[in-house]
C-alpha atoms as a PDB file:
ATOM      1  CA  MET A   1      43.875 111.217 -34.703  1.00  0.00           C
ATOM      2  CA  TYR A   2      46.968 111.900 -36.796  1.00  0.00           C
ATOM      3  CA  GLN A   3      45.609 115.415 -37.420  1.00  0.00           C
ATOM      4  CA  VAL A   4      44.826 116.240 -33.792  1.00  0.00           C
ATOM      5  CA  LEU A   5      47.306 114.558 -31.437  1.00  0.00           C
ATOM      6  CA  ALA A   6      50.245 114.219 -33.848  1.00  0.00           C
ATOM      7  CA  GLY A   7      49.264 117.470 -35.573  1.00  0.00           C
ATOM      8  CA  ILE A   8      49.809 116.406 -39.214  1.00  0.00           C
ATOM      9  CA  ARG A   9      47.731 118.827 -41.295  1.00  0.00           C
ATOM     10  CA  PRO A  10      47.806 119.941 -44.927  1.00  0.00           C
ATOM     11  CA  ALA A  11      48.622 123.601 -45.497  1.00  0.00           C
ATOM     12  CA  PRO A  12      45.944 125.429 -47.492  1.00  0.00           C
ATOM     13  CA  ALA A  13      48.661 126.833 -49.778  1.00  0.00           C
ATOM     14  CA  GLY A  14      50.066 123.360 -50.544  1.00  0.00           C
ATOM     15  CA  PRO A  15      47.333 120.903 -51.525  1.00  0.00           C
ATOM     16  CA  GLY A  16      48.015 117.175 -51.257  1.00  0.00           C
ATOM     17  CA  PHE A  17      50.509 117.779 -48.437  1.00  0.00           C
ATOM     18  CA  LYS A  18      52.972 119.583 -50.725  1.00  0.00           C
ATOM     19  CA  ARG A  19      53.218 121.806 -47.646  1.00  0.00           C
ATOM     20  CA  THR A  20      52.483 120.354 -44.217  1.00  0.00           C
ATOM     21  CA  ILE A  21      51.658 122.012 -40.932  1.00  0.00           C
ATOM     22  CA  LEU A  22      52.765 120.120 -37.814  1.00  0.00           C
ATOM     23  CA  ILE A  23      50.993 121.276 -34.651  1.00  0.00           C
ATOM     24  CA  PRO A  24      51.145 118.514 -32.039  1.00  0.00           C
ATOM     25  CA  ALA A  25      48.646 118.508 -29.177  1.00  0.00           C
ATOM     26  CA  VAL A  26      50.703 117.908 -26.038  1.00  0.00           C
ATOM     27  CA  VAL A  27      47.697 117.613 -23.722  1.00  0.00           C
ATOM     28  CA  GLY A  28      46.405 115.960 -20.604  1.00  0.00           C
ATOM     29  CA  ASP A  29      48.412 113.137 -19.118  1.00  0.00           C
ATOM     30  CA  LEU A  30      49.586 111.757 -22.480  1.00  0.00           C
ATOM     31  CA  SER A  31      53.326 111.147 -22.449  1.00  0.00           C
ATOM     32  CA  TRP A  32      53.810 110.248 -26.139  1.00  0.00           C
ATOM     33  CA  VAL A  33      52.168 110.126 -29.560  1.00  0.00           C
ATOM     34  CA  LYS A  34      53.382 108.758 -32.891  1.00  0.00           C
ATOM     35  CA  ALA A  35      51.520 108.921 -36.192  1.00  0.00           C
ATOM     36  CA  ARG A  36      52.161 108.560 -39.917  1.00  0.00           C
ATOM     37  CA  HIS A  37      50.336 109.796 -42.973  1.00  0.00           C
ATOM     38  CA  ARG A  38      50.973 108.638 -46.532  1.00  0.00           C
ATOM     39  CA  SER A  39      50.764 111.660 -48.805  1.00  0.00           C
ATOM     40  CA  LEU A  40      51.149 111.915 -52.570  1.00  0.00           C
ATOM     41  CA  TYR A  41      54.803 112.825 -51.933  1.00  0.00           C
ATOM     42  CA  GLY A  42      55.670 110.161 -49.371  1.00  0.00           C
ATOM     43  CA  GLU A  43      55.282 109.380 -45.707  1.00  0.00           C
ATOM     44  CA  ILE A  44      54.933 112.184 -43.158  1.00  0.00           C
ATOM     45  CA  VAL A  45      55.792 111.201 -39.588  1.00  0.00           C
ATOM     46  CA  SER A  46      55.169 113.151 -36.407  1.00  0.00           C
ATOM     47  CA  SER A  47      55.923 111.912 -32.917  1.00  0.00           C
ATOM     48  CA  TRP A  48      56.453 113.515 -29.570  1.00  0.00           C
ATOM     49  CA  THR A  49      57.335 112.484 -26.046  1.00  0.00           C
ATOM     50  CA  ARG A  50      56.995 114.415 -22.832  1.00  0.00           C
ATOM     51  CA  ASP A  51      58.899 114.041 -19.582  1.00  0.00           C
ATOM     52  CA  LYS A  52      57.842 116.730 -17.095  1.00  0.00           C
ATOM     53  CA  ASN A  53      58.510 120.026 -18.958  1.00  0.00           C
ATOM     54  CA  LYS A  54      60.818 118.532 -21.599  1.00  0.00           C
ATOM     55  CA  VAL A  55      59.252 117.801 -24.981  1.00  0.00           C
ATOM     56  CA  THR A  56      61.001 115.922 -27.775  1.00  0.00           C
ATOM     57  CA  MET A  57      59.415 116.079 -31.220  1.00  0.00           C
ATOM     58  CA  ALA A  58      60.587 113.987 -34.188  1.00  0.00           C
ATOM     59  CA  VAL A  59      59.287 114.670 -37.692  1.00  0.00           C
ATOM     60  CA  THR A  60      59.922 113.328 -41.162  1.00  0.00           C
ATOM     61  CA  ILE A  61      59.074 115.468 -44.184  1.00  0.00           C
ATOM     62  CA  PRO A  62      59.043 113.727 -47.603  1.00  0.00           C
ATOM     63  CA  PRO A  63      61.220 114.825 -50.556  1.00  0.00           C
ATOM     64  CA  ASN A  64      60.125 117.855 -52.568  1.00  0.00           C
ATOM     65  CA  THR A  65      57.886 119.149 -49.779  1.00  0.00           C
ATOM     66  CA  THR A  66      58.184 121.590 -46.886  1.00  0.00           C
ATOM     67  CA  ALA A  67      56.570 121.987 -43.488  1.00  0.00           C
ATOM     68  CA  THR A  68      55.855 124.458 -40.758  1.00  0.00           C
ATOM     69  CA  ALA A  69      56.633 122.838 -37.394  1.00  0.00           C
ATOM     70  CA  TYR A  70      55.194 124.157 -34.138  1.00  0.00           C
ATOM     71  CA  VAL A  71      57.528 123.009 -31.366  1.00  0.00           C
ATOM     72  CA  PRO A  72      56.048 123.390 -27.855  1.00  0.00           C
ATOM     73  CA  ALA A  73      58.383 125.809 -26.065  1.00  0.00           C
ATOM     74  CA  GLY A  74      58.288 128.734 -23.714  1.00  0.00           C
ATOM     75  CA  ASN A  75      61.212 130.368 -25.531  1.00  0.00           C
ATOM     76  CA  ALA A  76      62.682 129.742 -28.996  1.00  0.00           C
ATOM     77  CA  ALA A  77      66.218 130.045 -27.642  1.00  0.00           C
ATOM     78  CA  VAL A  78      65.897 126.745 -25.723  1.00  0.00           C
ATOM     79  CA  VAL A  79      64.797 124.699 -28.751  1.00  0.00           C
ATOM     80  CA  THR A  80      67.399 122.353 -30.198  1.00  0.00           C
ATOM     81  CA  GLU A  81      67.418 120.265 -33.351  1.00  0.00           C
ATOM     82  CA  SER A  82      69.588 117.138 -33.176  1.00  0.00           C
ATOM     83  CA  GLY A  83      71.439 118.598 -30.184  1.00  0.00           C
ATOM     84  CA  ARG A  84      72.305 122.021 -31.621  1.00  0.00           C
ATOM     85  CA  PRO A  85      70.376 125.303 -31.390  1.00  0.00           C
ATOM     86  CA  ALA A  86      67.456 124.997 -33.818  1.00  0.00           C
ATOM     87  CA  ALA A  87      68.083 128.492 -35.190  1.00  0.00           C
ATOM     88  CA  SER A  88      71.484 127.362 -36.524  1.00  0.00           C
ATOM     89  CA  ALA A  89      70.419 123.923 -37.788  1.00  0.00           C
ATOM     90  CA  PRO A  90      70.573 123.263 -41.541  1.00  0.00           C
ATOM     91  CA  SER A  91      67.236 123.459 -43.379  1.00  0.00           C
ATOM     92  CA  VAL A  92      65.506 124.987 -40.319  1.00  0.00           C
ATOM     93  CA  LYS A  93      64.374 128.604 -40.153  1.00  0.00           C
ATOM     94  CA  PHE A  94      62.828 130.196 -37.067  1.00  0.00           C
ATOM     95  CA  LEU A  95      59.668 132.105 -37.999  1.00  0.00           C
ATOM     96  CA  ARG A  96      58.017 133.266 -34.757  1.00  0.00           C
ATOM     97  CA  MET A  97      56.632 132.356 -31.335  1.00  0.00           C
ATOM     98  CA  GLU A  98      52.913 131.557 -31.356  1.00  0.00           C
ATOM     99  CA  ASP A  99      50.610 130.215 -28.631  1.00  0.00           C
ATOM    100  CA  GLY A 100      53.342 128.543 -26.576  1.00  0.00           C
ATOM    101  CA  ALA A 101      55.240 127.147 -29.561  1.00  0.00           C
ATOM    102  CA  ALA A 102      58.362 128.081 -31.503  1.00  0.00           C
ATOM    103  CA  VAL A 103      57.404 127.980 -35.181  1.00  0.00           C
ATOM    104  CA  PHE A 104      59.974 126.785 -37.720  1.00  0.00           C
ATOM    105  CA  ALA A 105      59.986 126.379 -41.503  1.00  0.00           C
ATOM    106  CA  VAL A 106      61.655 123.081 -42.417  1.00  0.00           C
ATOM    107  CA  GLU A 107      62.617 121.471 -45.687  1.00  0.00           C
ATOM    108  CA  SER A 108      62.302 117.775 -46.487  1.00  0.00           C
ATOM    109  CA  GLY A 109      64.234 115.516 -44.140  1.00  0.00           C
ATOM    110  CA  ARG A 110      64.243 114.145 -40.609  1.00  0.00           C
ATOM    111  CA  TYR A 111      64.360 116.393 -37.582  1.00  0.00           C
ATOM    112  CA  ARG A 112      64.524 115.859 -33.828  1.00  0.00           C
ATOM    113  CA  PHE A 113      63.523 118.927 -31.839  1.00  0.00           C
ATOM    114  CA  ALA A 114      63.818 119.185 -28.053  1.00  0.00           C
ATOM    115  CA  SER A 115      62.600 121.984 -25.802  1.00  0.00           C
ATOM    116  CA  GLU A 116      61.470 123.049 -22.374  1.00  0.00           C
ATOM    117  CA  ARG A 117      57.800 124.064 -22.409  1.00  0.00           C
ATOM    118  CA  ASN A 118      57.965 126.516 -19.493  1.00  0.00           C
ATOM    119  CA  SER A 119      61.295 128.238 -20.199  1.00  0.00           C
ATOM    120  CA  GLN A 120      61.076 132.003 -20.211  1.00  0.00           C
END
């Protein structure tokens, strides 16, 4: 379930979770999910909560690894990381919008993203 609902997946280009892909499944009437995976590099954590259209996603990426985080959002401009616009947050780089998610490259560390799913 950590791969589906929490969305913790290894990237094909980074075996052993050297690179992680985080694509949470914010589905149905679930209001939260939290999962952990112990990789060769350390613990990867992905959790999310939902309150109406607001989604908060917290992730932990172990040292010496990177991740691609898919944050559910209708518009990348409304995504924040630790209360500031995600695009200006340290160690976070906006990549693109894809299938209802703002996609960010993140370095090792802890991040707390927040967004509105239906913002246009």
